Amino acid sequence: MCTCGGPAPVRRFLPELIELIINGQIDPGEVFDLTLPLEQAAEGYKAMDERRATKVLLTL
C-alpha cells in the first residue's frame, strides 16, 4: 500500500490492523524508533520534523 503524495487512509485499515496486533500476528513496536512520555509529545513532533525520528511512541 502506498499513498505517495497524499494522506494515508488509516481509518480504512485500522480495524484489520488492530485485530492482527491483538492476535500477535504483527508487532507495531517495530515501527517506532523513539519513545517519549505523553508530556513530551511536542518534542516527539519536533524530532519527526527534524528527521531525528520516523515514528514516536507516546506512553502514559
PDB file of N, CA and C in Angstrom:
ATOM      1  N   MET A   1       0.839  -1.172   0.000  1.00  0.00           N
ATOM      2  CA  MET A   1       0.000   0.000   0.000  1.00  0.00           C
ATOM      3  C   MET A   1       0.885   1.236   0.000  1.00  0.00           C
ATOM      4  N   CYS A   2       0.683   2.101  -0.943  1.00  0.00           N
ATOM      5  CA  CYS A   2       1.419   3.360  -0.990  1.00  0.00           C
ATOM      6  C   CYS A   2       0.468   4.472  -1.379  1.00  0.00           C
ATOM      7  N   THR A   3       0.449   5.494  -0.583  1.00  0.00           N
ATOM      8  CA  THR A   3      -0.388   6.652  -0.893  1.00  0.00           C
ATOM      9  C   THR A   3       0.527   7.845  -1.151  1.00  0.00           C
ATOM     10  N   CYS A   4       1.558   7.608  -1.932  1.00  0.00           N
ATOM     11  CA  CYS A   4       2.562   8.632  -2.201  1.00  0.00           C
ATOM     12  C   CYS A   4       1.904   9.928  -2.659  1.00  0.00           C
ATOM     13  N   GLY A   5       2.283  11.007  -2.010  1.00  0.00           N
ATOM     14  CA  GLY A   5       1.769  12.308  -2.382  1.00  0.00           C
ATOM     15  C   GLY A   5       0.460  12.674  -1.722  1.00  0.00           C
ATOM     16  N   GLY A   6      -0.068  11.818  -0.865  1.00  0.00           N
ATOM     17  CA  GLY A   6      -1.333  12.128  -0.218  1.00  0.00           C
ATOM     18  C   GLY A   6      -1.425  11.475   1.145  1.00  0.00           C
ATOM     19  N   PRO A   7      -2.484  11.794   1.875  1.00  0.00           N
ATOM     20  CA  PRO A   7      -2.647  11.206   3.208  1.00  0.00           C
ATOM     21  C   PRO A   7      -2.973   9.712   3.132  1.00  0.00           C
ATOM     22  N   ALA A   8      -2.525   8.988   4.119  1.00  0.00           N
ATOM     23  CA  ALA A   8      -2.812   7.554   4.189  1.00  0.00           C
ATOM     24  C   ALA A   8      -4.230   7.348   4.719  1.00  0.00           C
ATOM     25  N   PRO A   9      -4.992   6.420   4.133  1.00  0.00           N
ATOM     26  CA  PRO A   9      -6.357   6.153   4.600  1.00  0.00           C
ATOM     27  C   PRO A   9      -6.343   5.263   5.842  1.00  0.00           C
ATOM     28  N   VAL A  10      -5.801   5.777   6.929  1.00  0.00           N
ATOM     29  CA  VAL A  10      -5.566   4.984   8.138  1.00  0.00           C
ATOM     30  C   VAL A  10      -6.839   4.356   8.676  1.00  0.00           C
ATOM     31  N   ARG A  11      -7.898   5.110   8.768  1.00  0.00           N
ATOM     32  CA  ARG A  11      -9.135   4.583   9.356  1.00  0.00           C
ATOM     33  C   ARG A  11      -9.678   3.386   8.577  1.00  0.00           C
ATOM     34  N   ARG A  12      -9.400   3.330   7.317  1.00  0.00           N
ATOM     35  CA  ARG A  12      -9.872   2.216   6.493  1.00  0.00           C
ATOM     36  C   ARG A  12      -9.217   0.895   6.919  1.00  0.00           C
ATOM     37  N   PHE A  13      -7.950   0.958   7.293  1.00  0.00           N
ATOM     38  CA  PHE A  13      -7.201  -0.255   7.624  1.00  0.00           C
ATOM     39  C   PHE A  13      -7.105  -0.528   9.117  1.00  0.00           C
ATOM     40  N   LEU A  14      -7.493   0.428   9.953  1.00  0.00           N
ATOM     41  CA  LEU A  14      -7.315   0.308  11.396  1.00  0.00           C
ATOM     42  C   LEU A  14      -7.962  -0.928  12.013  1.00  0.00           C
ATOM     43  N   PRO A  15      -9.226  -1.248  11.739  1.00  0.00           N
ATOM     44  CA  PRO A  15      -9.816  -2.437  12.373  1.00  0.00           C
ATOM     45  C   PRO A  15      -9.043  -3.730  12.077  1.00  0.00           C
ATOM     46  N   GLU A  16      -8.625  -3.902  10.826  1.00  0.00           N
ATOM     47  CA  GLU A  16      -7.869  -5.102  10.462  1.00  0.00           C
ATOM     48  C   GLU A  16      -6.509  -5.123  11.166  1.00  0.00           C
ATOM     49  N   LEU A  17      -5.847  -3.977  11.219  1.00  0.00           N
ATOM     50  CA  LEU A  17      -4.536  -3.917  11.863  1.00  0.00           C
ATOM     51  C   LEU A  17      -4.629  -4.176  13.360  1.00  0.00           C
ATOM     52  N   ILE A  18      -5.638  -3.621  14.011  1.00  0.00           N
ATOM     53  CA  ILE A  18      -5.822  -3.861  15.448  1.00  0.00           C
ATOM     54  C   ILE A  18      -6.021  -5.342  15.712  1.00  0.00           C
ATOM     55  N   GLU A  19      -6.802  -6.001  14.873  1.00  0.00           N
ATOM     56  CA  GLU A  19      -7.033  -7.439  15.020  1.00  0.00           C
ATOM     57  C   GLU A  19      -5.718  -8.214  14.882  1.00  0.00           C
ATOM     58  N   LEU A  20      -4.883  -7.848  13.917  1.00  0.00           N
ATOM     59  CA  LEU A  20      -3.592  -8.511  13.734  1.00  0.00           C
ATOM     60  C   LEU A  20      -2.680  -8.299  14.939  1.00  0.00           C
ATOM     61  N   ILE A  21      -2.735  -7.123  15.535  1.00  0.00           N
ATOM     62  CA  ILE A  21      -1.935  -6.837  16.732  1.00  0.00           C
ATOM     63  C   ILE A  21      -2.414  -7.680  17.900  1.00  0.00           C
ATOM     64  N   ILE A  22      -3.722  -7.695  18.123  1.00  0.00           N
ATOM     65  CA  ILE A  22      -4.299  -8.460  19.238  1.00  0.00           C
ATOM     66  C   ILE A  22      -3.985  -9.940  19.110  1.00  0.00           C
ATOM     67  N   ASN A  23      -4.024 -10.450  17.889  1.00  0.00           N
ATOM     68  CA  ASN A  23      -3.732 -11.873  17.653  1.00  0.00           C
ATOM     69  C   ASN A  23      -2.243 -12.189  17.644  1.00  0.00           C
ATOM     70  N   GLY A  24      -1.407 -11.165  17.798  1.00  0.00           N
ATOM     71  CA  GLY A  24       0.033 -11.386  17.826  1.00  0.00           C
ATOM     72  C   GLY A  24       0.653 -11.651  16.470  1.00  0.00           C
ATOM     73  N   GLN A  25      -0.070 -11.332  15.400  1.00  0.00           N
ATOM     74  CA  GLN A  25       0.450 -11.586  14.064  1.00  0.00           C
ATOM     75  C   GLN A  25       1.411 -10.503  13.582  1.00  0.00           C
ATOM     76  N   ILE A  26       1.268  -9.304  14.110  1.00  0.00           N
ATOM     77  CA  ILE A  26       2.224  -8.237  13.806  1.00  0.00           C
ATOM     78  C   ILE A  26       2.589  -7.517  15.093  1.00  0.00           C
ATOM     79  N   ASP A  27       3.767  -6.905  15.096  1.00  0.00           N
ATOM     80  CA  ASP A  27       4.264  -6.177  16.262  1.00  0.00           C
ATOM     81  C   ASP A  27       4.389  -4.704  15.892  1.00  0.00           C
ATOM     82  N   PRO A  28       3.476  -3.863  16.365  1.00  0.00           N
ATOM     83  CA  PRO A  28       3.538  -2.450  15.996  1.00  0.00           C
ATOM     84  C   PRO A  28       4.757  -1.747  16.571  1.00  0.00           C
ATOM     85  N   GLY A  29       5.386  -2.331  17.565  1.00  0.00           N
ATOM     86  CA  GLY A  29       6.563  -1.724  18.172  1.00  0.00           C
ATOM     87  C   GLY A  29       7.733  -1.583  17.217  1.00  0.00           C
ATOM     88  N   GLU A  30       7.752  -2.379  16.157  1.00  0.00           N
ATOM     89  CA  GLU A  30       8.842  -2.300  15.197  1.00  0.00           C
ATOM     90  C   GLU A  30       8.799  -1.015  14.380  1.00  0.00           C
ATOM     91  N   VAL A  31       7.689  -0.313  14.405  1.00  0.00           N
ATOM     92  CA  VAL A  31       7.523   0.917  13.636  1.00  0.00           C
ATOM     93  C   VAL A  31       8.161   2.108  14.352  1.00  0.00           C
ATOM     94  N   PHE A  32       8.102   2.107  15.671  1.00  0.00           N
ATOM     95  CA  PHE A  32       8.537   3.253  16.465  1.00  0.00           C
ATOM     96  C   PHE A  32      10.039   3.236  16.702  1.00  0.00           C
ATOM     97  N   ASP A  33      10.664   4.394  16.510  1.00  0.00           N
ATOM     98  CA  ASP A  33      12.099   4.468  16.776  1.00  0.00           C
ATOM     99  C   ASP A  33      12.434   5.463  17.878  1.00  0.00           C
ATOM    100  N   LEU A  34      11.415   6.021  18.510  1.00  0.00           N
ATOM    101  CA  LEU A  34      11.617   6.917  19.652  1.00  0.00           C
ATOM    102  C   LEU A  34      10.414   6.782  20.568  1.00  0.00           C
ATOM    103  N   THR A  35      10.656   6.603  21.854  1.00  0.00           N
ATOM    104  CA  THR A  35       9.593   6.512  22.848  1.00  0.00           C
ATOM    105  C   THR A  35       9.740   7.649  23.835  1.00  0.00           C
ATOM    106  N   LEU A  36       8.649   8.373  24.052  1.00  0.00           N
ATOM    107  CA  LEU A  36       8.645   9.506  24.975  1.00  0.00           C
ATOM    108  C   LEU A  36       7.378   9.455  25.822  1.00  0.00           C
ATOM    109  N   PRO A  37       7.422  10.058  27.026  1.00  0.00           N
ATOM    110  CA  PRO A  37       6.194  10.168  27.805  1.00  0.00           C
ATOM    111  C   PRO A  37       5.237  11.163  27.127  1.00  0.00           C
ATOM    112  N   LEU A  38       3.958  10.990  27.366  1.00  0.00           N
ATOM    113  CA  LEU A  38       2.933  11.827  26.750  1.00  0.00           C
ATOM    114  C   LEU A  38       3.213  13.317  26.950  1.00  0.00           C
ATOM    115  N   GLU A  39       3.755  13.664  28.085  1.00  0.00           N
ATOM    116  CA  GLU A  39       4.042  15.063  28.391  1.00  0.00           C
ATOM    117  C   GLU A  39       5.052  15.670  27.411  1.00  0.00           C
ATOM    118  N   GLN A  40       5.802  14.832  26.708  1.00  0.00           N
ATOM    119  CA  GLN A  40       6.808  15.317  25.770  1.00  0.00           C
ATOM    120  C   GLN A  40       6.367  15.131  24.310  1.00  0.00           C
ATOM    121  N   ALA A  41       5.048  15.136  24.093  1.00  0.00           N
ATOM    122  CA  ALA A  41       4.517  14.952  22.735  1.00  0.00           C
ATOM    123  C   ALA A  41       5.065  16.001  21.776  1.00  0.00           C
ATOM    124  N   ALA A  42       5.176  17.240  22.229  1.00  0.00           N
ATOM    125  CA  ALA A  42       5.693  18.304  21.358  1.00  0.00           C
ATOM    126  C   ALA A  42       7.117  17.989  20.911  1.00  0.00           C
ATOM    127  N   GLU A  43       7.924  17.424  21.800  1.00  0.00           N
ATOM    128  CA  GLU A  43       9.296  17.035  21.444  1.00  0.00           C
ATOM    129  C   GLU A  43       9.272  15.916  20.412  1.00  0.00           C
ATOM    130  N   GLY A  44       8.307  15.012  20.516  1.00  0.00           N
ATOM    131  CA  GLY A  44       8.174  13.939  19.540  1.00  0.00           C
ATOM    132  C   GLY A  44       7.894  14.473  18.142  1.00  0.00           C
ATOM    133  N   TYR A  45       6.978  15.433  18.057  1.00  0.00           N
ATOM    134  CA  TYR A  45       6.691  16.053  16.759  1.00  0.00           C
ATOM    135  C   TYR A  45       7.913  16.781  16.221  1.00  0.00           C
ATOM    136  N   LYS A  46       8.632  17.439  17.112  1.00  0.00           N
ATOM    137  CA  LYS A  46       9.848  18.150  16.699  1.00  0.00           C
ATOM    138  C   LYS A  46      10.889  17.162  16.168  1.00  0.00           C
ATOM    139  N   ALA A  47      11.052  16.038  16.846  1.00  0.00           N
ATOM    140  CA  ALA A  47      12.022  15.029  16.418  1.00  0.00           C
ATOM    141  C   ALA A  47      11.671  14.481  15.032  1.00  0.00           C
ATOM    142  N   MET A  48      10.375  14.273  14.778  1.00  0.00           N
ATOM    143  CA  MET A  48       9.975  13.796  13.455  1.00  0.00           C
ATOM    144  C   MET A  48      10.187  14.883  12.400  1.00  0.00           C
ATOM    145  N   ASP A  49       9.869  16.123  12.755  1.00  0.00           N
ATOM    146  CA  ASP A  49      10.054  17.233  11.822  1.00  0.00           C
ATOM    147  C   ASP A  49      11.524  17.408  11.447  1.00  0.00           C
ATOM    148  N   GLU A  50      12.408  17.216  12.425  1.00  0.00           N
ATOM    149  CA  GLU A  50      13.853  17.353  12.193  1.00  0.00           C
ATOM    150  C   GLU A  50      14.485  16.064  11.677  1.00  0.00           C
ATOM    151  N   ARG A  51      13.674  15.057  11.408  1.00  0.00           N
ATOM    152  CA  ARG A  51      14.131  13.759  10.887  1.00  0.00           C
ATOM    153  C   ARG A  51      15.064  13.014  11.844  1.00  0.00           C
ATOM    154  N   ARG A  52      14.904  13.288  13.159  1.00  0.00           N
ATOM    155  CA  ARG A  52      15.638  12.525  14.166  1.00  0.00           C
ATOM    156  C   ARG A  52      14.862  11.280  14.552  1.00  0.00           C
ATOM    157  N   ALA A  53      13.593  11.220  14.152  1.00  0.00           N
ATOM    158  CA  ALA A  53      12.745  10.068  14.433  1.00  0.00           C
ATOM    159  C   ALA A  53      11.779   9.885  13.262  1.00  0.00           C
ATOM    160  N   THR A  54      11.407   8.629  13.036  1.00  0.00           N
ATOM    161  CA  THR A  54      10.430   8.340  11.979  1.00  0.00           C
ATOM    162  C   THR A  54       9.033   8.300  12.584  1.00  0.00           C
ATOM    163  N   LYS A  55       8.874   7.537  13.655  1.00  0.00           N
ATOM    164  CA  LYS A  55       7.615   7.440  14.384  1.00  0.00           C
ATOM    165  C   LYS A  55       7.903   7.463  15.867  1.00  0.00           C
ATOM    166  N   VAL A  56       7.085   8.170  16.617  1.00  0.00           N
ATOM    167  CA  VAL A  56       7.269   8.320  18.045  1.00  0.00           C
ATOM    168  C   VAL A  56       6.129   7.617  18.785  1.00  0.00           C
ATOM    169  N   LEU A  57       6.486   6.812  19.769  1.00  0.00           N
ATOM    170  CA  LEU A  57       5.508   6.159  20.627  1.00  0.00           C
ATOM    171  C   LEU A  57       5.394   6.973  21.897  1.00  0.00           C
ATOM    172  N   LEU A  58       4.179   7.456  22.203  1.00  0.00           N
ATOM    173  CA  LEU A  58       3.947   8.219  23.419  1.00  0.00           C
ATOM    174  C   LEU A  58       3.371   7.297  24.470  1.00  0.00           C
ATOM    175  N   THR A  59       3.924   7.331  25.671  1.00  0.00           N
ATOM    176  CA  THR A  59       3.483   6.465  26.754  1.00  0.00           C
ATOM    177  C   THR A  59       2.861   7.301  27.873  1.00  0.00           C
ATOM    178  N   LEU A  60       1.971   6.664  28.624  1.00  0.00           N
ATOM    179  CA  LEU A  60       1.334   7.339  29.759  1.00  0.00           C
ATOM    180  C   LEU A  60       2.193   7.288  30.983  1.00  0.00           C
TER     181      LEU A  60
END
